[in-house]
PDB file of N, CA and C in Angstrom:
ATOM      1  N   MET A   1     151.838 216.854  56.846  1.00  0.00           N
ATOM      2  CA  MET A   1     151.296 216.791  58.184  1.00  0.00           C
ATOM      3  C   MET A   1     149.999 217.575  58.240  1.00  0.00           C
ATOM      4  N   THR A   2     149.023 217.040  58.909  1.00  0.00           N
ATOM      5  CA  THR A   2     147.769 217.735  59.116  1.00  0.00           C
ATOM      6  C   THR A   2     147.659 218.080  60.598  1.00  0.00           C
ATOM      7  N   LEU A   3     147.671 219.354  60.879  1.00  0.00           N
ATOM      8  CA  LEU A   3     147.596 219.827  62.253  1.00  0.00           C
ATOM      9  C   LEU A   3     146.152 219.789  62.726  1.00  0.00           C
ATOM     10  N   LYS A   4     145.922 219.127  63.856  1.00  0.00           N
ATOM     11  CA  LYS A   4     144.590 219.122  64.443  1.00  0.00           C
ATOM     12  C   LYS A   4     144.398 220.443  65.170  1.00  0.00           C
ATOM     13  N   TRP A   5     143.263 221.084  64.941  1.00  0.00           N
ATOM     14  CA  TRP A   5     142.999 222.359  65.584  1.00  0.00           C
ATOM     15  C   TRP A   5     141.510 222.554  65.783  1.00  0.00           C
ATOM     16  N   ASN A   6     141.175 223.411  66.730  1.00  0.00           N
ATOM     17  CA  ASN A   6     139.779 223.774  66.905  1.00  0.00           C
ATOM     18  C   ASN A   6     139.687 225.257  67.211  1.00  0.00           C
ATOM     19  N   LEU A   7     138.538 225.823  66.917  1.00  0.00           N
ATOM     20  CA  LEU A   7     138.277 227.250  67.074  1.00  0.00           C
ATOM     21  C   LEU A   7     137.214 227.426  68.145  1.00  0.00           C
ATOM     22  N   VAL A   8     137.510 228.265  69.122  1.00  0.00           N
ATOM     23  CA  VAL A   8     136.563 228.590  70.178  1.00  0.00           C
ATOM     24  C   VAL A   8     136.330 230.098  70.116  1.00  0.00           C
ATOM     25  N   THR A   9     135.062 230.509  70.005  1.00  0.00           N
ATOM     26  CA  THR A   9     134.745 231.932  69.976  1.00  0.00           C
ATOM     27  C   THR A   9     133.832 232.270  71.141  1.00  0.00           C
ATOM     28  N   LYS A  10     133.936 233.519  71.581  1.00  0.00           N
ATOM     29  CA  LYS A  10     133.099 233.985  72.679  1.00  0.00           C
ATOM     30  C   LYS A  10     132.611 235.390  72.345  1.00  0.00           C
ATOM     31  N   HIS A  11     131.323 235.596  72.396  1.00  0.00           N
ATOM     32  CA  HIS A  11     130.670 236.879  72.119  1.00  0.00           C
ATOM     33  C   HIS A  11     130.830 237.323  70.665  1.00  0.00           C
ATOM     34  N   MET A  12     131.069 236.394  69.761  1.00  0.00           N
ATOM     35  CA  MET A  12     131.219 236.753  68.342  1.00  0.00           C
ATOM     36  C   MET A  12     131.047 235.518  67.469  1.00  0.00           C
ATOM     37  N   ARG A  13     130.792 235.760  66.195  1.00  0.00           N
ATOM     38  CA  ARG A  13     130.796 234.705  65.184  1.00  0.00           C
ATOM     39  C   ARG A  13     131.864 235.077  64.163  1.00  0.00           C
ATOM     40  N   PRO A  14     132.744 234.141  63.841  1.00  0.00           N
ATOM     41  CA  PRO A  14     133.797 234.477  62.868  1.00  0.00           C
ATOM     42  C   PRO A  14     133.206 234.672  61.467  1.00  0.00           C
ATOM     43  N   HIS A  15     133.568 235.780  60.834  1.00  0.00           N
ATOM     44  CA  HIS A  15     133.087 236.037  59.478  1.00  0.00           C
ATOM     45  C   HIS A  15     133.962 235.293  58.471  1.00  0.00           C
ATOM     46  N   GLN A  16     133.555 235.316  57.219  1.00  0.00           N
ATOM     47  CA  GLN A  16     134.203 234.510  56.179  1.00  0.00           C
ATOM     48  C   GLN A  16     135.669 234.875  55.999  1.00  0.00           C
ATOM     49  N   GLN A  17     135.989 236.174  56.039  1.00  0.00           N
ATOM     50  CA  GLN A  17     137.381 236.599  55.870  1.00  0.00           C
ATOM     51  C   GLN A  17     138.248 236.056  57.004  1.00  0.00           C
ATOM     52  N   LEU A  18     137.728 236.090  58.218  1.00  0.00           N
ATOM     53  CA  LEU A  18     138.485 235.591  59.367  1.00  0.00           C
ATOM     54  C   LEU A  18     138.673 234.078  59.284  1.00  0.00           C
ATOM     55  N   GLU A  19     137.649 233.353  58.874  1.00  0.00           N
ATOM     56  CA  GLU A  19     137.774 231.897  58.730  1.00  0.00           C
ATOM     57  C   GLU A  19     138.805 231.540  57.671  1.00  0.00           C
ATOM     58  N   ALA A  20     138.829 232.296  56.566  1.00  0.00           N
ATOM     59  CA  ALA A  20     139.823 232.050  55.519  1.00  0.00           C
ATOM     60  C   ALA A  20     141.237 232.332  56.040  1.00  0.00           C
ATOM     61  N   LYS A  21     141.385 233.401  56.812  1.00  0.00           N
ATOM     62  CA  LYS A  21     142.690 233.748  57.375  1.00  0.00           C
ATOM     63  C   LYS A  21     143.159 232.678  58.361  1.00  0.00           C
ATOM     64  N   ILE A  22     142.240 232.150  59.163  1.00  0.00           N
ATOM     65  CA  ILE A  22     142.594 231.098  60.113  1.00  0.00           C
ATOM     66  C   ILE A  22     143.086 229.863  59.365  1.00  0.00           C
ATOM     67  N   GLY A  23     142.372 229.457  58.324  1.00  0.00           N
ATOM     68  CA  GLY A  23     142.796 228.304  57.529  1.00  0.00           C
ATOM     69  C   GLY A  23     144.154 228.512  56.891  1.00  0.00           C
ATOM     70  N   GLU A  24     144.398 229.718  56.389  1.00  0.00           N
ATOM     71  CA  GLU A  24     145.687 230.038  55.760  1.00  0.00           C
ATOM     72  C   GLU A  24     146.824 229.972  56.783  1.00  0.00           C
ATOM     73  N   LYS A  25     146.614 230.550  57.949  1.00  0.00           N
ATOM     74  CA  LYS A  25     147.663 230.594  58.961  1.00  0.00           C
ATOM     75  C   LYS A  25     147.906 229.221  59.597  1.00  0.00           C
ATOM     76  N   VAL A  26     146.881 228.399  59.702  1.00  0.00           N
ATOM     77  CA  VAL A  26     147.071 227.038  60.213  1.00  0.00           C
ATOM     78  C   VAL A  26     147.945 226.258  59.236  1.00  0.00           C
ATOM     79  N   GLY A  27     147.748 226.476  57.950  1.00  0.00           N
ATOM     80  CA  GLY A  27     148.611 225.847  56.948  1.00  0.00           C
ATOM     81  C   GLY A  27     150.053 226.287  57.098  1.00  0.00           C
ATOM     82  N   LYS A  28     150.267 227.564  57.419  1.00  0.00           N
ATOM     83  CA  LYS A  28     151.626 228.068  57.618  1.00  0.00           C
ATOM     84  C   LYS A  28     152.248 227.438  58.862  1.00  0.00           C
ATOM     85  N   LEU A  29     151.460 227.282  59.912  1.00  0.00           N
ATOM     86  CA  LEU A  29     151.966 226.631  61.124  1.00  0.00           C
ATOM     87  C   LEU A  29     152.326 225.181  60.855  1.00  0.00           C
ATOM     88  N   GLU A  30     151.524 224.503  60.026  1.00  0.00           N
ATOM     89  CA  GLU A  30     151.801 223.094  59.690  1.00  0.00           C
ATOM     90  C   GLU A  30     153.180 222.942  59.080  1.00  0.00           C
ATOM     91  N   ALA A  31     153.571 223.894  58.244  1.00  0.00           N
ATOM     92  CA  ALA A  31     154.881 223.819  57.600  1.00  0.00           C
ATOM     93  C   ALA A  31     156.009 223.897  58.628  1.00  0.00           C
ATOM     94  N   HIS A  32     155.801 224.662  59.699  1.00  0.00           N
ATOM     95  CA  HIS A  32     156.831 224.796  60.729  1.00  0.00           C
ATOM     96  C   HIS A  32     156.834 223.628  61.715  1.00  0.00           C
ATOM     97  N   LEU A  33     155.781 222.828  61.707  1.00  0.00           N
ATOM     98  CA  LEU A  33     155.658 221.738  62.663  1.00  0.00           C
ATOM     99  C   LEU A  33     155.835 220.371  62.027  1.00  0.00           C
ATOM    100  N   SER A  34     156.473 220.311  60.869  1.00  0.00           N
ATOM    101  CA  SER A  34     156.569 219.046  60.143  1.00  0.00           C
ATOM    102  C   SER A  34     157.412 218.001  60.878  1.00  0.00           C
ATOM    103  N   HIS A  35     158.297 218.428  61.785  1.00  0.00           N
ATOM    104  CA  HIS A  35     159.161 217.477  62.492  1.00  0.00           C
ATOM    105  C   HIS A  35     158.528 216.922  63.763  1.00  0.00           C
ATOM    106  N   PHE A  36     157.385 217.466  64.149  1.00  0.00           N
ATOM    107  CA  PHE A  36     156.692 216.967  65.332  1.00  0.00           C
ATOM    108  C   PHE A  36     155.689 215.898  64.918  1.00  0.00           C
ATOM    109  N   PRO A  37     155.422 214.918  65.776  1.00  0.00           N
ATOM    110  CA  PRO A  37     154.460 213.872  65.411  1.00  0.00           C
ATOM    111  C   PRO A  37     153.056 214.460  65.251  1.00  0.00           C
ATOM    112  N   PRO A  38     152.388 214.189  64.126  1.00  0.00           N
ATOM    113  CA  PRO A  38     151.079 214.817  63.869  1.00  0.00           C
ATOM    114  C   PRO A  38     150.002 214.402  64.858  1.00  0.00           C
ATOM    115  N   ASP A  39     150.088 213.204  65.408  1.00  0.00           N
ATOM    116  CA  ASP A  39     149.048 212.780  66.339  1.00  0.00           C
ATOM    117  C   ASP A  39     149.264 213.354  67.736  1.00  0.00           C
ATOM    118  N   ALA A  40     150.383 214.007  67.999  1.00  0.00           N
ATOM    119  CA  ALA A  40     150.677 214.543  69.327  1.00  0.00           C
ATOM    120  C   ALA A  40     150.613 216.068  69.379  1.00  0.00           C
ATOM    121  N   THR A  41     150.365 216.731  68.258  1.00  0.00           N
ATOM    122  CA  THR A  41     150.286 218.189  68.249  1.00  0.00           C
ATOM    123  C   THR A  41     148.833 218.620  68.075  1.00  0.00           C
ATOM    124  N   HIS A  42     148.477 219.681  68.776  1.00  0.00           N
ATOM    125  CA  HIS A  42     147.112 220.196  68.692  1.00  0.00           C
ATOM    126  C   HIS A  42     147.144 221.704  68.914  1.00  0.00           C
ATOM    127  N   LEU A  43     146.369 222.438  68.114  1.00  0.00           N
ATOM    128  CA  LEU A  43     146.285 223.889  68.214  1.00  0.00           C
ATOM    129  C   LEU A  43     144.877 224.280  68.616  1.00  0.00           C
ATOM    130  N   GLN A  44     144.771 225.139  69.633  1.00  0.00           N
ATOM    131  CA  GLN A  44     143.477 225.683  70.002  1.00  0.00           C
ATOM    132  C   GLN A  44     143.502 227.179  69.740  1.00  0.00           C
ATOM    133  N   VAL A  45     142.550 227.650  68.940  1.00  0.00           N
ATOM    134  CA  VAL A  45     142.419 229.061  68.612  1.00  0.00           C
ATOM    135  C   VAL A  45     141.217 229.596  69.374  1.00  0.00           C
ATOM    136  N   SER A  46     141.435 230.630  70.170  1.00  0.00           N
ATOM    137  CA  SER A  46     140.365 231.222  70.952  1.00  0.00           C
ATOM    138  C   SER A  46     140.229 232.687  70.563  1.00  0.00           C
ATOM    139  N   LEU A  47     139.048 233.064  70.066  1.00  0.00           N
ATOM    140  CA  LEU A  47     138.771 234.449  69.692  1.00  0.00           C
ATOM    141  C   LEU A  47     137.656 234.968  70.589  1.00  0.00           C
ATOM    142  N   THR A  48     137.898 236.119  71.210  1.00  0.00           N
ATOM    143  CA  THR A  48     136.936 236.681  72.148  1.00  0.00           C
ATOM    144  C   THR A  48     136.711 238.149  71.834  1.00  0.00           C
ATOM    145  N   LYS A  49     135.444 238.567  71.860  1.00  0.00           N
ATOM    146  CA  LYS A  49     135.100 239.980  71.725  1.00  0.00           C
ATOM    147  C   LYS A  49     134.675 240.472  73.100  1.00  0.00           C
ATOM    148  N   HIS A  50     135.209 241.623  73.483  1.00  0.00           N
ATOM    149  CA  HIS A  50     134.823 242.204  74.753  1.00  0.00           C
ATOM    150  C   HIS A  50     133.318 242.477  74.714  1.00  0.00           C
ATOM    151  N   PRO A  51     132.573 242.151  75.764  1.00  0.00           N
ATOM    152  CA  PRO A  51     131.114 242.253  75.698  1.00  0.00           C
ATOM    153  C   PRO A  51     130.568 243.669  75.555  1.00  0.00           C
ATOM    154  N   SER A  52     131.282 244.690  76.010  1.00  0.00           N
ATOM    155  CA  SER A  52     130.688 246.022  75.975  1.00  0.00           C
ATOM    156  C   SER A  52     131.408 247.028  75.075  1.00  0.00           C
ATOM    157  N   ARG A  53     132.486 246.628  74.434  1.00  0.00           N
ATOM    158  CA  ARG A  53     133.184 247.546  73.531  1.00  0.00           C
ATOM    159  C   ARG A  53     133.821 246.766  72.389  1.00  0.00           C
ATOM    160  N   ASP A  54     134.283 247.479  71.368  1.00  0.00           N
ATOM    161  CA  ASP A  54     134.912 246.832  70.216  1.00  0.00           C
ATOM    162  C   ASP A  54     136.377 246.541  70.526  1.00  0.00           C
ATOM    163  N   TRP A  55     136.618 245.443  71.169  1.00  0.00           N
ATOM    164  CA  TRP A  55     137.965 245.034  71.538  1.00  0.00           C
ATOM    165  C   TRP A  55     138.029 243.523  71.426  1.00  0.00           C
ATOM    166  N   PHE A  56     139.011 243.024  70.689  1.00  0.00           N
ATOM    167  CA  PHE A  56     139.113 241.594  70.428  1.00  0.00           C
ATOM    168  C   PHE A  56     140.387 241.028  71.033  1.00  0.00           C
ATOM    169  N   SER A  57     140.327 239.750  71.363  1.00  0.00           N
ATOM    170  CA  SER A  57     141.470 239.038  71.902  1.00  0.00           C
ATOM    171  C   SER A  57     141.622 237.731  71.132  1.00  0.00           C
ATOM    172  N   ALA A  58     142.843 237.414  70.752  1.00  0.00           N
ATOM    173  CA  ALA A  58     143.140 236.151  70.068  1.00  0.00           C
ATOM    174  C   ALA A  58     144.194 235.421  70.882  1.00  0.00           C
ATOM    175  N   ALA A  59     143.866 234.194  71.277  1.00  0.00           N
ATOM    176  CA  ALA A  59     144.802 233.379  72.048  1.00  0.00           C
ATOM    177  C   ALA A  59     145.023 232.068  71.309  1.00  0.00           C
ATOM    178  N   LEU A  60     146.273 231.702  71.124  1.00  0.00           N
ATOM    179  CA  LEU A  60     146.635 230.454  70.456  1.00  0.00           C
ATOM    180  C   LEU A  60     147.423 229.598  71.434  1.00  0.00           C
ATOM    181  N   THR A  61     147.010 228.363  71.587  1.00  0.00           N
ATOM    182  CA  THR A  61     147.706 227.420  72.441  1.00  0.00           C
ATOM    183  C   THR A  61     148.086 226.213  71.606  1.00  0.00           C
ATOM    184  N   LEU A  62     149.368 225.960  71.497  1.00  0.00           N
ATOM    185  CA  LEU A  62     149.879 224.847  70.706  1.00  0.00           C
ATOM    186  C   LEU A  62     150.491 223.825  71.651  1.00  0.00           C
ATOM    187  N   GLN A  63     149.947 222.623  71.619  1.00  0.00           N
ATOM    188  CA  GLN A  63     150.474 221.548  72.446  1.00  0.00           C
ATOM    189  C   GLN A  63     151.338 220.645  71.574  1.00  0.00           C
ATOM    190  N   THR A  64     152.610 220.541  71.949  1.00  0.00           N
ATOM    191  CA  THR A  64     153.550 219.663  71.269  1.00  0.00           C
ATOM    192  C   THR A  64     154.100 218.706  72.317  1.00  0.00           C
ATOM    193  N   PRO A  65     154.731 217.626  71.904  1.00  0.00           N
ATOM    194  CA  PRO A  65     155.254 216.677  72.881  1.00  0.00           C
ATOM    195  C   PRO A  65     156.224 217.284  73.906  1.00  0.00           C
ATOM    196  N   PRO A  66     157.184 218.149  73.516  1.00  0.00           N
ATOM    197  CA  PRO A  66     158.081 218.640  74.555  1.00  0.00           C
ATOM    198  C   PRO A  66     157.541 219.823  75.352  1.00  0.00           C
ATOM    199  N   ALA A  67     156.565 220.592  74.815  1.00  0.00           N
ATOM    200  CA  ALA A  67     156.135 221.805  75.511  1.00  0.00           C
ATOM    201  C   ALA A  67     154.767 222.260  75.022  1.00  0.00           C
ATOM    202  N   THR A  68     154.155 223.123  75.806  1.00  0.00           N
ATOM    203  CA  THR A  68     152.924 223.800  75.414  1.00  0.00           C
ATOM    204  C   THR A  68     153.266 225.260  75.200  1.00  0.00           C
ATOM    205  N   LEU A  69     152.979 225.772  74.006  1.00  0.00           N
ATOM    206  CA  LEU A  69     153.295 227.148  73.648  1.00  0.00           C
ATOM    207  C   LEU A  69     152.006 227.964  73.617  1.00  0.00           C
ATOM    208  N   HIS A  70     152.090 229.238  74.024  1.00  0.00           N
ATOM    209  CA  HIS A  70     150.903 230.080  74.091  1.00  0.00           C
ATOM    210  C   HIS A  70     151.247 231.480  73.603  1.00  0.00           C
ATOM    211  N   ALA A  71     150.362 232.069  72.822  1.00  0.00           N
ATOM    212  CA  ALA A  71     150.513 233.450  72.369  1.00  0.00           C
ATOM    213  C   ALA A  71     149.153 234.119  72.429  1.00  0.00           C
ATOM    214  N   GLU A  72     149.132 235.346  72.914  1.00  0.00           N
ATOM    215  CA  GLU A  72     147.867 236.076  73.033  1.00  0.00           C
ATOM    216  C   GLU A  72     148.092 237.535  72.666  1.00  0.00           C
ATOM    217  N   LYS A  73     147.204 238.061  71.845  1.00  0.00           N
ATOM    218  CA  LYS A  73     147.269 239.461  71.421  1.00  0.00           C
ATOM    219  C   LYS A  73     145.868 240.054  71.496  1.00  0.00           C
ATOM    220  N   GLU A  74     145.808 241.406  71.617  1.00  0.00           N
ATOM    221  CA  GLU A  74     144.537 242.112  71.699  1.00  0.00           C
ATOM    222  C   GLU A  74     144.564 243.319  70.789  1.00  0.00           C
ATOM    223  N   GLY A  75     143.373 243.753  70.344  1.00  0.00           N
ATOM    224  CA  GLY A  75     143.271 244.923  69.487  1.00  0.00           C
ATOM    225  C   GLY A  75     141.846 245.184  69.060  1.00  0.00           C
ATOM    226  N   ILE A  76     141.672 246.133  68.121  1.00  0.00           N
ATOM    227  CA  ILE A  76     140.329 246.554  67.738  1.00  0.00           C
ATOM    228  C   ILE A  76     139.770 245.810  66.530  1.00  0.00           C
ATOM    229  N   ASP A  77     140.600 245.071  65.799  1.00  0.00           N
ATOM    230  CA  ASP A  77     140.138 244.327  64.624  1.00  0.00           C
ATOM    231  C   ASP A  77     140.600 242.877  64.756  1.00  0.00           C
ATOM    232  N   PRO A  78     139.699 241.896  64.625  1.00  0.00           N
ATOM    233  CA  PRO A  78     140.093 240.513  64.885  1.00  0.00           C
ATOM    234  C   PRO A  78     141.113 239.929  63.908  1.00  0.00           C
ATOM    235  N   VAL A  79     141.103 240.358  62.653  1.00  0.00           N
ATOM    236  CA  VAL A  79     142.022 239.772  61.675  1.00  0.00           C
ATOM    237  C   VAL A  79     143.481 240.149  61.974  1.00  0.00           C
ATOM    238  N   PRO A  80     143.824 241.441  62.151  1.00  0.00           N
ATOM    239  CA  PRO A  80     145.216 241.760  62.499  1.00  0.00           C
ATOM    240  C   PRO A  80     145.629 241.206  63.860  1.00  0.00           C
ATOM    241  N   VAL A  81     144.688 241.151  64.800  1.00  0.00           N
ATOM    242  CA  VAL A  81     145.000 240.593  66.118  1.00  0.00           C
ATOM    243  C   VAL A  81     145.376 239.129  65.973  1.00  0.00           C
ATOM    244  N   PHE A  82     144.621 238.396  65.161  1.00  0.00           N
ATOM    245  CA  PHE A  82     144.935 236.988  64.929  1.00  0.00           C
ATOM    246  C   PHE A  82     146.287 236.841  64.236  1.00  0.00           C
ATOM    247  N   ASP A  83     146.566 237.700  63.244  1.00  0.00           N
ATOM    248  CA  ASP A  83     147.867 237.669  62.558  1.00  0.00           C
ATOM    249  C   ASP A  83     149.021 237.878  63.536  1.00  0.00           C
ATOM    250  N   GLN A  84     148.878 238.841  64.433  1.00  0.00           N
ATOM    251  CA  GLN A  84     149.930 239.114  65.412  1.00  0.00           C
ATOM    252  C   GLN A  84     150.134 237.933  66.345  1.00  0.00           C
ATOM    253  N   ALA A  85     149.043 237.294  66.752  1.00  0.00           N
ATOM    254  CA  ALA A  85     149.147 236.135  67.639  1.00  0.00           C
ATOM    255  C   ALA A  85     149.856 234.981  66.934  1.00  0.00           C
ATOM    256  N   VAL A  86     149.570 234.778  65.646  1.00  0.00           N
ATOM    257  CA  VAL A  86     150.235 233.711  64.888  1.00  0.00           C
ATOM    258  C   VAL A  86     151.728 234.003  64.762  1.00  0.00           C
ATOM    259  N   LYS A  87     152.081 235.256  64.497  1.00  0.00           N
ATOM    260  CA  LYS A  87     153.497 235.615  64.398  1.00  0.00           C
ATOM    261  C   LYS A  87     154.218 235.368  65.717  1.00  0.00           C
ATOM    262  N   ALA A  88     153.569 235.708  66.820  1.00  0.00           N
ATOM    263  CA  ALA A  88     154.174 235.472  68.132  1.00  0.00           C
ATOM    264  C   ALA A  88     154.335 233.976  68.385  1.00  0.00           C
ATOM    265  N   LEU A  89     153.344 233.178  67.989  1.00  0.00           N
ATOM    266  CA  LEU A  89     153.439 231.734  68.176  1.00  0.00           C
ATOM    267  C   LEU A  89     154.531 231.140  67.290  1.00  0.00           C
ATOM    268  N   LEU A  90     154.674 231.640  66.066  1.00  0.00           N
ATOM    269  CA  LEU A  90     155.741 231.156  65.190  1.00  0.00           C
ATOM    270  C   LEU A  90     157.122 231.453  65.775  1.00  0.00           C
ATOM    271  N   ARG A  91     157.277 232.611  66.417  1.00  0.00           N
ATOM    272  CA  ARG A  91     158.557 232.920  67.077  1.00  0.00           C
ATOM    273  C   ARG A  91     158.821 231.918  68.194  1.00  0.00           C
ATOM    274  N   GLU A  92     157.784 231.581  68.955  1.00  0.00           N
ATOM    275  CA  GLU A  92     157.955 230.600  70.027  1.00  0.00           C
ATOM    276  C   GLU A  92     158.295 229.218  69.469  1.00  0.00           C
ATOM    277  N   VAL A  93     157.670 228.851  68.355  1.00  0.00           N
ATOM    278  CA  VAL A  93     157.983 227.562  67.727  1.00  0.00           C
ATOM    279  C   VAL A  93     159.432 227.542  67.271  1.00  0.00           C
ATOM    280  N   ASP A  94     159.893 228.633  66.652  1.00  0.00           N
ATOM    281  CA  ASP A  94     161.293 228.698  66.215  1.00  0.00           C
ATOM    282  C   ASP A  94     162.248 228.597  67.397  1.00  0.00           C
ATOM    283  N   GLU A  95     161.916 229.250  68.512  1.00  0.00           N
ATOM    284  CA  GLU A  95     162.766 229.153  69.700  1.00  0.00           C
ATOM    285  C   GLU A  95     162.780 227.728  70.249  1.00  0.00           C
ATOM    286  N   LEU A  96     161.626 227.074  70.264  1.00  0.00           N
ATOM    287  CA  LEU A  96     161.555 225.697  70.741  1.00  0.00           C
ATOM    288  C   LEU A  96     162.384 224.772  69.860  1.00  0.00           C
ATOM    289  N   LYS A  97     162.276 224.949  68.544  1.00  0.00           N
ATOM    290  CA  LYS A  97     163.052 224.113  67.633  1.00  0.00           C
ATOM    291  C   LYS A  97     164.548 224.351  67.806  1.00  0.00           C
ATOM    292  N   ALA A  98     164.948 225.604  68.066  1.00  0.00           N
ATOM    293  CA  ALA A  98     166.363 225.896  68.298  1.00  0.00           C
ATOM    294  C   ALA A  98     166.842 225.239  69.581  1.00  0.00           C
ATOM    295  N   ILE A  99     166.013 225.253  70.596  1.00  0.00           N
ATOM    296  CA  ILE A  99     166.383 224.598  71.857  1.00  0.00           C
ATOM    297  C   ILE A  99     166.520 223.093  71.644  1.00  0.00           C
ATOM    298  N   LEU A 100     165.587 222.518  70.903  1.00  0.00           N
ATOM    299  CA  LEU A 100     165.637 221.080  70.659  1.00  0.00           C
ATOM    300  C   LEU A 100     166.848 220.696  69.822  1.00  0.00           C
ATOM    301  N   ARG A 101     167.285 221.593  68.958  1.00  0.00           N
ATOM    302  CA  ARG A 101     168.494 221.340  68.164  1.00  0.00           C
ATOM    303  C   ARG A 101     169.749 221.729  68.922  1.00  0.00           C
ATOM    304  N   ARG A 102     169.567 222.327  70.099  1.00  0.00           N
ATOM    305  CA  ARG A 102     170.661 222.815  70.941  1.00  0.00           C
ATOM    306  C   ARG A 102     171.476 223.893  70.239  1.00  0.00           C
ATOM    307  N   LYS A 103     170.774 224.766  69.523  1.00  0.00           N
ATOM    308  CA  LYS A 103     171.408 225.896  68.861  1.00  0.00           C
ATOM    309  C   LYS A 103     170.722 227.166  69.352  1.00  0.00           C
ATOM    310  N   PRO A 104     171.422 228.304  69.364  1.00  0.00           N
ATOM    311  CA  PRO A 104     170.772 229.553  69.764  1.00  0.00           C
ATOM    312  C   PRO A 104     169.758 229.986  68.709  1.00  0.00           C
ATOM    313  N   ALA A 105     168.719 230.670  69.144  1.00  0.00           N
ATOM    314  CA  ALA A 105     167.698 231.161  68.229  1.00  0.00           C
ATOM    315  C   ALA A 105     168.283 232.248  67.337  1.00  0.00           C
ATOM    316  N   ALA A 106     167.626 232.495  66.209  1.00  0.00           N
ATOM    317  CA  ALA A 106     168.103 233.494  65.265  1.00  0.00           C
ATOM    318  C   ALA A 106     168.138 234.864  65.933  1.00  0.00           C
ATOM    319  N   GLY A 107     169.181 235.612  65.677  1.00  0.00           N
ATOM    320  CA  GLY A 107     169.313 236.943  66.229  1.00  0.00           C
ATOM    321  C   GLY A 107     169.959 236.985  67.597  1.00  0.00           C
ATOM    322  N   ARG A 108     170.294 235.853  68.137  1.00  0.00           N
ATOM    323  CA  ARG A 108     170.938 235.816  69.448  1.00  0.00           C
ATOM    324  C   ARG A 108     172.392 235.395  69.279  1.00  0.00           C
ATOM    325  N   ALA A 109     173.217 235.916  70.150  1.00  0.00           N
ATOM    326  CA  ALA A 109     174.639 235.573  70.107  1.00  0.00           C
ATOM    327  C   ALA A 109     174.823 234.135  70.572  1.00  0.00           C
ATOM    328  N   PRO A 110     175.708 233.382  69.929  1.00  0.00           N
ATOM    329  CA  PRO A 110     175.940 232.007  70.368  1.00  0.00           C
ATOM    330  C   PRO A 110     176.576 231.980  71.751  1.00  0.00           C
ATOM    331  N   VAL A 111     176.200 230.994  72.510  1.00  0.00           N
ATOM    332  CA  VAL A 111     176.728 230.833  73.856  1.00  0.00           C
ATOM    333  C   VAL A 111     177.972 229.973  73.783  1.00  0.00           C
ATOM    334  N   ALA A 112     179.054 230.472  74.377  1.00  0.00           N
ATOM    335  CA  ALA A 112     180.321 229.738  74.374  1.00  0.00           C
ATOM    336  C   ALA A 112     180.225 228.587  75.377  1.00  0.00           C
ATOM    337  N   PRO A 113     180.785 227.438  75.042  1.00  0.00           N
ATOM    338  CA  PRO A 113     180.760 226.323  76.001  1.00  0.00           C
ATOM    339  C   PRO A 113     181.626 226.670  77.209  1.00  0.00           C
ATOM    340  N   PRO A 114     181.319 226.098  78.348  1.00  0.00           N
ATOM    341  CA  PRO A 114     182.137 226.378  79.540  1.00  0.00           C
ATOM    342  C   PRO A 114     183.555 225.888  79.346  1.00  0.00           C
ATOM    343  N   SER A 115     184.493 226.655  79.846  1.00  0.00           N
ATOM    344  CA  SER A 115     185.907 226.271  79.672  1.00  0.00           C
ATOM    345  C   SER A 115     186.264 225.146  80.626  1.00  0.00           C
ATOM    346  N   ALA A 116     187.103 224.257  80.123  1.00  0.00           N
ATOM    347  CA  ALA A 116     187.539 223.118  80.933  1.00  0.00           C
ATOM    348  C   ALA A 116     188.733 223.558  81.767  1.00  0.00           C
ATOM    349  N   THR A 117     188.653 223.343  83.054  1.00  0.00           N
ATOM    350  CA  THR A 117     189.772 223.723  83.927  1.00  0.00           C
ATOM    351  C   THR A 117     190.410 222.529  84.553  1.00  0.00           C
TER     352      THR A 117
END
């Protein structure tokens, strides 16, 4: 599957290390999205630098057929901020897949079915 994605930056230009990290993490997301139709999924990566201080924001919006997932993190270095945002988005993807499979997410206690009276 090839995930369609685009990068939007504000008040900054992504350096080579950041572009390589984005490509690597998009590949990791593709592996988790193999069950979704490739023509219906889209990822938007938004990187913003605060205009007057060294503070970065990374926002990821993933559009899939059943839901739109969003993760946003902030910090002083764009690469770790982007990594944290990807990890948060992967957790949301795992939760969505668990819901679609009608199973509880990892680390959560299973829900007992309602008793028949």
